[in-house]
Amino acid sequence: MTATDRERITGEADVPDSKRYEAASRIRKRIEELEQDAEILEEYHPGLYKELREAVCDK
């Protein structure tokens, strides 16, 4: 997430709900892209794939 996304999602930014929904939509798109990236890393660079899994799944 960007710093702005974080502020909007957490409510730190004083913005209309529509801006929070826009941030959530952008984040969903990035998650979809991350899923594709993970598949590529798993096949072509298992070491980086392992780092990604540890960073995301161990939280």
Protein backbone atom coordinates (compact mmCIF):
# COMPACT_ATOMS: atom_id res chain seq x y z
CA MET A 1 0.00 0.00 0.00
CA THR A 2 1.02 3.56 -0.45
CA ALA A 3 1.20 5.89 2.53
CA THR A 4 -2.02 7.52 1.31
CA ASP A 5 -3.75 4.14 1.06
CA ARG A 6 -2.70 3.33 4.62
CA GLU A 7 -4.03 6.65 5.91
CA ARG A 8 -7.34 6.19 4.13
CA ILE A 9 -7.82 2.57 5.14
CA THR A 10 -6.97 3.22 8.80
CA GLY A 11 -9.11 6.35 8.94
CA GLU A 12 -6.17 8.63 9.71
CA ALA A 13 -6.98 10.69 6.63
CA ASP A 14 -10.09 12.83 6.88
CA VAL A 15 -11.59 11.88 3.53
CA PRO A 16 -15.03 10.86 2.30
CA ASP A 17 -15.92 7.17 2.35
CA SER A 18 -15.67 7.14 -1.44
CA LYS A 19 -11.92 7.76 -1.12
CA ARG A 20 -11.61 4.83 1.28
CA TYR A 21 -13.45 2.61 -1.22
CA GLU A 22 -11.14 3.78 -4.01
CA ALA A 23 -8.11 2.88 -1.89
CA ALA A 24 -9.56 -0.58 -1.21
CA SER A 25 -10.16 -1.07 -4.92
CA ARG A 26 -6.56 -0.15 -5.76
CA ILE A 27 -5.29 -2.52 -3.08
CA ARG A 28 -7.42 -5.37 -4.46
CA LYS A 29 -5.89 -4.82 -7.90
CA ARG A 30 -2.40 -4.96 -6.40
CA ILE A 31 -3.26 -8.19 -4.60
CA GLU A 32 -4.34 -9.74 -7.90
CA GLU A 33 -1.05 -8.68 -9.45
CA LEU A 34 0.85 -10.05 -6.45
CA GLU A 35 -0.85 -13.41 -6.91
CA GLN A 36 0.43 -13.53 -10.50
CA ASP A 37 3.88 -12.43 -9.39
CA ALA A 38 3.95 -15.16 -6.74
CA GLU A 39 3.18 -17.81 -9.36
CA ILE A 40 6.04 -16.55 -11.52
CA LEU A 41 8.45 -16.45 -8.59
CA GLU A 42 7.47 -19.92 -7.45
CA GLU A 43 8.40 -21.33 -10.85
CA TYR A 44 11.38 -19.19 -11.83
CA HIS A 45 12.91 -17.92 -8.58
CA PRO A 46 11.98 -20.18 -5.65
CA GLY A 47 14.24 -18.28 -3.23
CA LEU A 48 12.36 -15.02 -3.73
CA TYR A 49 9.07 -16.90 -3.61
CA LYS A 50 10.06 -18.28 -0.20
CA GLU A 51 10.92 -14.76 1.04
CA LEU A 52 7.56 -13.48 -0.20
CA ARG A 53 5.65 -16.29 1.52
CA GLU A 54 7.51 -15.72 4.77
CA ALA A 55 6.83 -11.98 4.65
CA VAL A 56 3.13 -12.37 3.89
CA CYS A 57 2.10 -15.66 5.46
CA ASP A 58 3.95 -15.37 8.74
CA LYS A 59 2.12 -12.17 9.74
